[in-house]
Amino acid sequence: MYFAFLCTDKPGHLQVRMDTRPTHLEHLNKLNAEGVLKFAGPFLGDDGKPTGSLVVVEATDIASARTIAEADPYYLAGLFEKVEVKAWNWVFNDPSKKPE
């Protein structure tokens, strides 16, 4: 089952994001190698700077998905004001499904 993490940065925490980015990317690369990560990227403000993150993972249930979200270095560094974990259905362009 897929889960989307909708993460909103705390205002004024861009430096926390930048300082933590290398370990965050290592974490995502590990999830990707394990086949857990489906896609990820930052939300951008009008100025083009990151304001949050969208991460989609595959997990057995919402509790497992929350555990994955809470292991992210951004989460551990206190970057996020809010993290929503929502079950998500990949309908169009799911690369794991062959076109008919």
C-alpha atoms as a PDB file:
ATOM      1  CA  MET A   1       0.000   0.000   0.000  1.00  0.00           C
ATOM      2  CA  TYR A   2       1.236   3.507  -0.764  1.00  0.00           C
ATOM      3  CA  PHE A   3       1.426   6.361   1.733  1.00  0.00           C
ATOM      4  CA  ALA A   4       2.088  10.045   1.091  1.00  0.00           C
ATOM      5  CA  PHE A   5       3.921  12.209   3.605  1.00  0.00           C
ATOM      6  CA  LEU A   6       2.814  15.836   3.326  1.00  0.00           C
ATOM      7  CA  CYS A   7       5.425  17.754   5.284  1.00  0.00           C
ATOM      8  CA  THR A   8       5.300  21.475   6.039  1.00  0.00           C
ATOM      9  CA  ASP A   9       8.485  23.240   7.137  1.00  0.00           C
ATOM     10  CA  LYS A  10       8.506  25.490  10.177  1.00  0.00           C
ATOM     11  CA  PRO A  11       8.808  29.145   9.125  1.00  0.00           C
ATOM     12  CA  GLY A  12      12.378  30.407   9.196  1.00  0.00           C
ATOM     13  CA  HIS A  13      13.902  26.909   9.181  1.00  0.00           C
ATOM     14  CA  LEU A  14      15.495  26.914   5.717  1.00  0.00           C
ATOM     15  CA  GLN A  15      18.975  26.640   7.260  1.00  0.00           C
ATOM     16  CA  VAL A  16      17.909  23.523   9.194  1.00  0.00           C
ATOM     17  CA  ARG A  17      16.793  22.028   5.876  1.00  0.00           C
ATOM     18  CA  MET A  18      20.063  22.908   4.167  1.00  0.00           C
ATOM     19  CA  ASP A  19      22.218  21.644   7.044  1.00  0.00           C
ATOM     20  CA  THR A  20      20.314  18.353   7.237  1.00  0.00           C
ATOM     21  CA  ARG A  21      19.958  17.785   3.490  1.00  0.00           C
ATOM     22  CA  PRO A  22      22.962  15.444   3.046  1.00  0.00           C
ATOM     23  CA  THR A  23      21.742  12.987   5.703  1.00  0.00           C
ATOM     24  CA  HIS A  24      18.163  13.328   4.435  1.00  0.00           C
ATOM     25  CA  LEU A  25      19.311  12.351   0.928  1.00  0.00           C
ATOM     26  CA  GLU A  26      21.297   9.393   2.323  1.00  0.00           C
ATOM     27  CA  HIS A  27      18.134   8.271   4.108  1.00  0.00           C
ATOM     28  CA  LEU A  28      16.040   8.555   0.938  1.00  0.00           C
ATOM     29  CA  ASN A  29      18.698   6.748  -1.105  1.00  0.00           C
ATOM     30  CA  LYS A  30      18.593   3.864   1.394  1.00  0.00           C
ATOM     31  CA  LEU A  31      14.786   3.696   1.200  1.00  0.00           C
ATOM     32  CA  ASN A  32      15.039   3.791  -2.586  1.00  0.00           C
ATOM     33  CA  ALA A  33      17.568   0.929  -2.667  1.00  0.00           C
ATOM     34  CA  GLU A  34      15.207  -1.102  -0.456  1.00  0.00           C
ATOM     35  CA  GLY A  35      12.295  -0.450  -2.851  1.00  0.00           C
ATOM     36  CA  VAL A  36      10.347   1.479  -0.189  1.00  0.00           C
ATOM     37  CA  LEU A  37      10.632   4.986  -1.681  1.00  0.00           C
ATOM     38  CA  LYS A  38       8.474   5.634  -4.726  1.00  0.00           C
ATOM     39  CA  PHE A  39       9.185   9.343  -5.229  1.00  0.00           C
ATOM     40  CA  ALA A  40      10.002  12.468  -3.272  1.00  0.00           C
ATOM     41  CA  GLY A  41      10.713  16.152  -3.616  1.00  0.00           C
ATOM     42  CA  PRO A  42      10.274  19.549  -1.995  1.00  0.00           C
ATOM     43  CA  PHE A  43       7.338  21.914  -2.183  1.00  0.00           C
ATOM     44  CA  LEU A  44       8.511  25.360  -3.312  1.00  0.00           C
ATOM     45  CA  GLY A  45       7.410  28.816  -2.251  1.00  0.00           C
ATOM     46  CA  ASP A  46       6.887  31.762  -4.589  1.00  0.00           C
ATOM     47  CA  ASP A  47      10.588  32.561  -4.200  1.00  0.00           C
ATOM     48  CA  GLY A  48      11.549  29.067  -5.391  1.00  0.00           C
ATOM     49  CA  LYS A  49      12.866  28.018  -1.977  1.00  0.00           C
ATOM     50  CA  PRO A  50      11.715  24.796  -0.285  1.00  0.00           C
ATOM     51  CA  THR A  51       8.763  25.060   2.098  1.00  0.00           C
ATOM     52  CA  GLY A  52       8.062  21.390   2.744  1.00  0.00           C
ATOM     53  CA  SER A  53       8.275  17.918   1.273  1.00  0.00           C
ATOM     54  CA  LEU A  54       6.188  15.311  -0.510  1.00  0.00           C
ATOM     55  CA  VAL A  55       7.383  11.737  -0.016  1.00  0.00           C
ATOM     56  CA  VAL A  56       5.559   8.630  -1.212  1.00  0.00           C
ATOM     57  CA  VAL A  57       6.518   5.231   0.178  1.00  0.00           C
ATOM     58  CA  GLU A  58       5.211   1.698   0.068  1.00  0.00           C
ATOM     59  CA  ALA A  59       4.472   0.186   3.483  1.00  0.00           C
ATOM     60  CA  THR A  60       2.302  -2.558   4.947  1.00  0.00           C
ATOM     61  CA  ASP A  61       0.154  -0.207   7.038  1.00  0.00           C
ATOM     62  CA  ILE A  62      -0.097   3.363   8.310  1.00  0.00           C
ATOM     63  CA  ALA A  63       1.820   2.573  11.504  1.00  0.00           C
ATOM     64  CA  SER A  64       4.779   1.351   9.429  1.00  0.00           C
ATOM     65  CA  ALA A  65       4.509   4.423   7.203  1.00  0.00           C
ATOM     66  CA  ARG A  66       4.567   6.717  10.247  1.00  0.00           C
ATOM     67  CA  THR A  67       7.681   4.933  11.514  1.00  0.00           C
ATOM     68  CA  ILE A  68       9.356   5.607   8.160  1.00  0.00           C
ATOM     69  CA  ALA A  69       8.302   9.279   8.235  1.00  0.00           C
ATOM     70  CA  GLU A  70       9.585   9.740  11.786  1.00  0.00           C
ATOM     71  CA  ALA A  71      12.990   8.243  10.886  1.00  0.00           C
ATOM     72  CA  ASP A  72      13.660  10.951   8.288  1.00  0.00           C
ATOM     73  CA  PRO A  73      16.563  13.207   9.327  1.00  0.00           C
ATOM     74  CA  TYR A  74      14.423  16.275   8.520  1.00  0.00           C
ATOM     75  CA  TYR A  75      11.800  15.054  10.989  1.00  0.00           C
ATOM     76  CA  LEU A  76      14.453  14.253  13.617  1.00  0.00           C
ATOM     77  CA  ALA A  77      16.052  17.704  13.168  1.00  0.00           C
ATOM     78  CA  GLY A  78      12.734  19.413  13.949  1.00  0.00           C
ATOM     79  CA  LEU A  79      12.358  20.921  10.474  1.00  0.00           C
ATOM     80  CA  PHE A  80       8.686  20.161  10.095  1.00  0.00           C
ATOM     81  CA  GLU A  81       5.817  22.119  11.586  1.00  0.00           C
ATOM     82  CA  LYS A  82       3.397  19.400  10.458  1.00  0.00           C
ATOM     83  CA  VAL A  83       3.617  15.934   8.898  1.00  0.00           C
ATOM     84  CA  GLU A  84       0.499  14.276   7.530  1.00  0.00           C
ATOM     85  CA  VAL A  85       0.707  10.591   6.632  1.00  0.00           C
ATOM     86  CA  LYS A  86      -2.097   9.561   4.303  1.00  0.00           C
ATOM     87  CA  ALA A  87      -2.917   6.347   2.472  1.00  0.00           C
ATOM     88  CA  TRP A  88      -2.635   7.048  -1.239  1.00  0.00           C
ATOM     89  CA  ASN A  89      -3.770   5.233  -4.371  1.00  0.00           C
ATOM     90  CA  TRP A  90      -1.474   5.502  -7.407  1.00  0.00           C
ATOM     91  CA  VAL A  91      -3.936   5.398 -10.302  1.00  0.00           C
ATOM     92  CA  PHE A  92      -2.147   6.927 -13.308  1.00  0.00           C
ATOM     93  CA  ASN A  93       1.395   6.211 -14.489  1.00  0.00           C
ATOM     94  CA  ASP A  94       2.300   3.773 -11.694  1.00  0.00           C
ATOM     95  CA  PRO A  95       5.581   2.342 -13.036  1.00  0.00           C
ATOM     96  CA  SER A  96       5.005  -0.959 -11.229  1.00  0.00           C
ATOM     97  CA  LYS A  97       1.968  -1.671 -13.416  1.00  0.00           C
ATOM     98  CA  LYS A  98       2.310  -2.665 -17.042  1.00  0.00           C
ATOM     99  CA  PRO A  99       0.226  -0.695 -19.541  1.00  0.00           C
ATOM    100  CA  GLU A 100      -2.589  -2.705 -21.080  1.00  0.00           C
END
